[in-house]
């Protein structure tokens, strides 16, 4: 048997070419799959946003109580309830003196 010169070198060079090619293919596949994952995540996020409930709107804060005596404020509230029809005359009549402490 006759040995070719550089057999070991030729074998090492062939192995390096194959390893380099495999590495390049692997890198390309990773890049491709990463791009697909990114696109799927973006699509999922868009779908979630599409079906998300609308932001809740809150009622404005109630107006501050008018300045003045606490008793005055309570009497005004009682009168407003009576004028609005929430309290009848029969309910309003005893509530006013009770509030005044009489």
N, C-alpha and C. Protein backbone atom coordinates (compact mmCIF):
# COMPACT_ATOMS: atom_id res chain seq x y z
N UNK A 1 0.79 -1.16 0.00
CA UNK A 1 0.00 0.00 0.00
C UNK A 1 0.85 1.25 0.00
N UNK A 2 0.37 2.10 -0.82
CA UNK A 2 1.12 3.33 -0.94
C UNK A 2 0.35 4.45 -0.23
N UNK A 3 1.01 5.19 0.65
CA UNK A 3 0.41 6.29 1.38
C UNK A 3 0.58 7.57 0.59
N UNK A 4 -0.49 8.29 0.54
CA UNK A 4 -0.39 9.59 -0.11
C UNK A 4 0.23 10.57 0.87
N UNK A 5 0.90 11.51 0.29
CA UNK A 5 1.48 12.54 1.13
C UNK A 5 0.39 13.49 1.59
N UNK A 6 0.55 13.94 2.79
CA UNK A 6 -0.39 14.91 3.33
C UNK A 6 -1.73 14.29 3.67
N UNK A 7 -1.79 13.02 3.88
CA UNK A 7 -3.06 12.38 4.21
C UNK A 7 -3.66 12.93 5.48
N UNK A 8 -2.84 13.12 6.47
CA UNK A 8 -3.32 13.64 7.73
C UNK A 8 -3.73 15.10 7.57
N UNK A 9 -2.95 15.84 6.82
CA UNK A 9 -3.25 17.25 6.60
C UNK A 9 -4.53 17.37 5.79
N UNK A 10 -4.66 16.53 4.76
CA UNK A 10 -5.85 16.55 3.93
C UNK A 10 -7.09 16.19 4.77
N UNK A 11 -6.96 15.20 5.63
CA UNK A 11 -8.06 14.80 6.49
C UNK A 11 -8.45 15.93 7.45
N UNK A 12 -7.46 16.58 8.03
CA UNK A 12 -7.72 17.68 8.96
C UNK A 12 -8.38 18.85 8.22
N UNK A 13 -7.92 19.13 7.02
CA UNK A 13 -8.51 20.24 6.25
C UNK A 13 -9.96 19.92 5.89
N UNK A 14 -10.22 18.69 5.50
CA UNK A 14 -11.60 18.29 5.16
C UNK A 14 -12.51 18.38 6.38
N UNK A 15 -11.99 17.96 7.52
CA UNK A 15 -12.77 18.03 8.74
C UNK A 15 -13.07 19.50 9.10
N UNK A 16 -12.10 20.37 8.94
CA UNK A 16 -12.29 21.79 9.25
C UNK A 16 -13.34 22.41 8.33
N UNK A 17 -13.30 22.04 7.06
CA UNK A 17 -14.29 22.57 6.11
C UNK A 17 -15.69 22.10 6.50
N UNK A 18 -15.80 20.82 6.84
CA UNK A 18 -17.10 20.29 7.22
C UNK A 18 -17.60 20.96 8.51
N UNK A 19 -16.71 21.13 9.49
CA UNK A 19 -17.10 21.75 10.75
C UNK A 19 -17.50 23.22 10.53
N UNK A 20 -16.76 23.91 9.70
CA UNK A 20 -17.08 25.31 9.40
C UNK A 20 -18.43 25.43 8.71
N UNK A 21 -18.69 24.52 7.77
CA UNK A 21 -19.98 24.54 7.08
C UNK A 21 -21.11 24.24 8.04
N UNK A 22 -20.91 23.25 8.89
CA UNK A 22 -21.94 22.91 9.86
C UNK A 22 -22.20 24.07 10.81
N UNK A 23 -21.15 24.75 11.24
CA UNK A 23 -21.31 25.91 12.13
C UNK A 23 -22.07 27.04 11.46
N UNK A 24 -21.76 27.28 10.18
CA UNK A 24 -22.46 28.34 9.44
C UNK A 24 -23.94 28.00 9.27
N UNK A 25 -24.24 26.74 8.97
CA UNK A 25 -25.63 26.32 8.81
C UNK A 25 -26.37 26.45 10.14
N UNK A 26 -25.72 26.03 11.21
CA UNK A 26 -26.34 26.12 12.54
C UNK A 26 -26.64 27.58 12.90
N UNK A 27 -25.68 28.46 12.64
CA UNK A 27 -25.87 29.88 12.93
C UNK A 27 -27.03 30.45 12.11
N UNK A 28 -27.11 30.08 10.85
CA UNK A 28 -28.19 30.55 9.97
C UNK A 28 -29.55 30.07 10.50
N UNK A 29 -29.61 28.82 10.94
CA UNK A 29 -30.87 28.28 11.45
C UNK A 29 -31.29 28.99 12.74
N UNK A 30 -30.32 29.23 13.61
CA UNK A 30 -30.64 29.93 14.86
C UNK A 30 -31.19 31.32 14.56
N UNK A 31 -30.57 32.01 13.63
CA UNK A 31 -31.01 33.35 13.26
C UNK A 31 -32.42 33.30 12.67
N UNK A 32 -32.67 32.31 11.85
CA UNK A 32 -33.99 32.16 11.21
C UNK A 32 -35.05 31.87 12.27
N UNK A 33 -34.78 30.96 13.19
CA UNK A 33 -35.76 30.62 14.22
C UNK A 33 -35.96 31.77 15.20
N UNK A 34 -34.92 32.52 15.48
CA UNK A 34 -35.07 33.68 16.36
C UNK A 34 -35.99 34.72 15.71
N UNK A 35 -35.86 34.93 14.41
CA UNK A 35 -36.72 35.87 13.70
C UNK A 35 -38.17 35.38 13.72
N UNK A 36 -38.38 34.08 13.53
CA UNK A 36 -39.74 33.52 13.57
C UNK A 36 -40.34 33.67 14.97
N UNK A 37 -39.54 33.42 16.00
CA UNK A 37 -40.02 33.58 17.38
C UNK A 37 -40.42 35.04 17.64
N UNK A 38 -39.60 35.96 17.16
CA UNK A 38 -39.89 37.38 17.35
C UNK A 38 -41.20 37.76 16.66
N UNK A 39 -41.39 37.28 15.44
CA UNK A 39 -42.62 37.59 14.70
C UNK A 39 -43.84 36.98 15.40
N UNK A 40 -43.71 35.78 15.92
CA UNK A 40 -44.83 35.15 16.64
C UNK A 40 -45.16 35.93 17.91
N UNK A 41 -44.13 36.39 18.62
CA UNK A 41 -44.37 37.17 19.83
C UNK A 41 -45.08 38.48 19.51
N UNK A 42 -44.68 39.12 18.41
CA UNK A 42 -45.33 40.36 18.01
C UNK A 42 -46.79 40.13 17.63
N UNK A 43 -47.05 39.04 16.93
CA UNK A 43 -48.41 38.71 16.53
C UNK A 43 -49.27 38.41 17.77
N UNK A 44 -48.71 37.68 18.72
CA UNK A 44 -49.42 37.35 19.94
C UNK A 44 -49.74 38.61 20.73
N UNK A 45 -48.77 39.51 20.83
CA UNK A 45 -48.98 40.76 21.57
C UNK A 45 -50.07 41.60 20.90
N UNK A 46 -50.08 41.63 19.58
CA UNK A 46 -51.11 42.39 18.86
C UNK A 46 -52.49 41.78 19.10
N UNK A 47 -52.57 40.46 19.13
CA UNK A 47 -53.86 39.81 19.40
C UNK A 47 -54.33 40.11 20.81
N UNK A 48 -53.43 40.07 21.77
CA UNK A 48 -53.80 40.35 23.15
C UNK A 48 -54.29 41.78 23.29
N UNK A 49 -53.64 42.70 22.60
CA UNK A 49 -54.03 44.09 22.68
C UNK A 49 -55.39 44.30 22.02
N UNK A 50 -55.67 43.55 20.96
CA UNK A 50 -56.93 43.67 20.24
C UNK A 50 -58.11 43.27 21.13
N UNK A 51 -57.92 42.24 21.94
CA UNK A 51 -59.00 41.73 22.76
C UNK A 51 -58.97 42.24 24.19
N UNK A 52 -58.07 43.14 24.51
CA UNK A 52 -57.98 43.68 25.87
C UNK A 52 -59.19 44.57 26.13
N UNK A 53 -59.69 44.57 27.35
CA UNK A 53 -60.82 45.44 27.65
C UNK A 53 -60.39 46.91 27.56
N UNK A 54 -61.31 47.79 27.22
CA UNK A 54 -60.94 49.20 27.14
C UNK A 54 -60.56 49.73 28.51
N UNK A 55 -59.72 50.73 28.56
CA UNK A 55 -59.32 51.27 29.85
C UNK A 55 -60.54 51.81 30.60
N UNK A 56 -60.55 51.61 31.89
CA UNK A 56 -61.68 52.01 32.71
C UNK A 56 -61.62 53.51 32.96
N UNK A 57 -62.74 54.16 32.74
CA UNK A 57 -62.80 55.59 33.02
C UNK A 57 -63.46 55.77 34.38
N UNK A 58 -62.87 56.61 35.17
CA UNK A 58 -63.36 56.83 36.51
C UNK A 58 -64.21 58.10 36.55
N UNK A 59 -65.18 58.09 37.42
CA UNK A 59 -66.03 59.27 37.61
C UNK A 59 -65.19 60.36 38.26
N UNK A 60 -65.50 61.60 37.95
CA UNK A 60 -64.73 62.68 38.59
C UNK A 60 -64.97 62.69 40.10
N UNK A 61 -64.02 63.18 40.80
CA UNK A 61 -64.11 63.25 42.26
C UNK A 61 -65.27 64.16 42.64
N UNK A 62 -66.00 63.82 43.69
CA UNK A 62 -67.11 64.68 44.10
C UNK A 62 -66.58 66.04 44.54
N UNK A 63 -67.41 67.04 44.35
CA UNK A 63 -67.01 68.40 44.73
C UNK A 63 -66.85 68.48 46.25
N UNK A 64 -65.96 69.31 46.64
CA UNK A 64 -65.71 69.48 48.08
C UNK A 64 -66.94 70.10 48.73
N UNK A 65 -67.12 69.78 49.99
CA UNK A 65 -68.24 70.31 50.74
C UNK A 65 -68.10 71.83 50.83
N UNK A 66 -69.21 72.54 50.75
CA UNK A 66 -69.11 74.00 50.82
C UNK A 66 -68.52 74.45 52.16
N UNK A 67 -67.80 75.53 52.08
CA UNK A 67 -67.18 76.05 53.30
C UNK A 67 -68.26 76.55 54.25
N UNK A 68 -68.06 76.38 55.50
CA UNK A 68 -69.04 76.86 56.47
C UNK A 68 -69.21 75.87 57.59
N UNK A 69 -70.19 76.12 58.38
CA UNK A 69 -70.50 75.31 59.54
C UNK A 69 -70.96 73.92 59.11
N UNK A 70 -70.55 72.90 59.83
CA UNK A 70 -70.95 71.52 59.52
C UNK A 70 -72.46 71.36 59.62
N UNK A 71 -73.07 72.03 60.56
CA UNK A 71 -74.53 71.97 60.73
C UNK A 71 -75.24 72.58 59.51
N UNK A 72 -74.67 73.66 59.01
CA UNK A 72 -75.24 74.30 57.82
C UNK A 72 -75.19 73.35 56.64
N UNK A 73 -74.10 72.68 56.49
CA UNK A 73 -73.94 71.73 55.39
C UNK A 73 -74.95 70.60 55.52
N UNK A 74 -75.13 70.10 56.72
CA UNK A 74 -76.09 69.01 56.93
C UNK A 74 -77.53 69.46 56.65
N UNK A 75 -77.85 70.69 57.05
CA UNK A 75 -79.19 71.23 56.78
C UNK A 75 -79.41 71.39 55.28
N UNK A 76 -78.39 71.85 54.58
CA UNK A 76 -78.50 72.01 53.12
C UNK A 76 -78.71 70.65 52.45
N UNK A 77 -77.98 69.65 52.91
CA UNK A 77 -78.13 68.31 52.33
C UNK A 77 -79.54 67.77 52.60
N UNK A 78 -80.04 68.01 53.80
CA UNK A 78 -81.38 67.56 54.14
C UNK A 78 -82.42 68.25 53.26
N UNK A 79 -82.25 69.54 53.05
CA UNK A 79 -83.17 70.29 52.19
C UNK A 79 -83.09 69.82 50.74
N UNK A 80 -81.89 69.51 50.27
CA UNK A 80 -81.74 69.00 48.90
C UNK A 80 -82.43 67.66 48.73
N UNK A 81 -82.31 66.81 49.72
CA UNK A 81 -82.99 65.51 49.65
C UNK A 81 -84.51 65.69 49.65
N UNK A 82 -85.00 66.64 50.43
CA UNK A 82 -86.44 66.90 50.47
C UNK A 82 -86.91 67.49 49.14
N UNK A 83 -86.15 68.43 48.59
CA UNK A 83 -86.52 69.06 47.33
C UNK A 83 -86.44 68.07 46.16
N UNK A 84 -85.53 67.12 46.25
CA UNK A 84 -85.38 66.13 45.18
C UNK A 84 -86.45 65.05 45.27
N UNK A 85 -87.20 65.02 46.35
CA UNK A 85 -88.25 64.03 46.49
C UNK A 85 -87.78 62.74 47.14
N UNK A 86 -86.54 62.71 47.60
CA UNK A 86 -86.03 61.52 48.26
C UNK A 86 -86.67 61.38 49.64
N UNK A 87 -86.84 62.52 50.32
CA UNK A 87 -87.50 62.53 51.63
C UNK A 87 -88.90 63.12 51.47
N UNK A 88 -89.86 62.47 52.05
CA UNK A 88 -91.23 62.99 52.04
C UNK A 88 -91.37 64.06 53.12
N UNK A 89 -92.52 64.76 53.09
CA UNK A 89 -92.77 65.77 54.13
C UNK A 89 -92.80 65.14 55.51
N UNK A 90 -93.33 63.91 55.58
CA UNK A 90 -93.42 63.23 56.87
C UNK A 90 -92.04 62.84 57.39
N UNK A 91 -91.10 62.59 56.51
CA UNK A 91 -89.73 62.25 56.94
C UNK A 91 -88.91 63.51 57.21
N UNK A 92 -89.16 64.54 56.41
CA UNK A 92 -88.37 65.77 56.55
C UNK A 92 -88.72 66.53 57.83
N UNK A 93 -90.00 66.55 58.17
CA UNK A 93 -90.46 67.34 59.33
C UNK A 93 -89.75 66.94 60.63
N UNK A 94 -89.67 65.65 60.99
CA UNK A 94 -88.96 65.33 62.24
C UNK A 94 -87.44 65.35 62.12
N UNK A 95 -86.91 65.23 60.91
CA UNK A 95 -85.45 65.17 60.76
C UNK A 95 -84.82 66.53 61.00
N UNK A 96 -85.49 67.60 60.61
CA UNK A 96 -84.92 68.95 60.74
C UNK A 96 -84.74 69.34 62.23
N UNK A 97 -85.76 69.21 63.06
CA UNK A 97 -85.54 69.56 64.48
C UNK A 97 -84.55 68.63 65.17
N UNK A 98 -84.54 67.38 64.73
CA UNK A 98 -83.58 66.42 65.33
C UNK A 98 -82.16 66.87 65.01
N UNK A 99 -81.94 67.33 63.77
CA UNK A 99 -80.62 67.80 63.36
C UNK A 99 -80.23 69.07 64.11
N UNK A 100 -81.23 69.92 64.37
CA UNK A 100 -80.96 71.16 65.10
C UNK A 100 -80.81 70.95 66.59
N UNK A 101 -81.17 69.76 67.05
CA UNK A 101 -81.02 69.46 68.46
C UNK A 101 -82.17 69.98 69.30
N UNK A 102 -83.26 70.26 68.68
CA UNK A 102 -84.41 70.80 69.43
C UNK A 102 -85.36 69.71 69.83
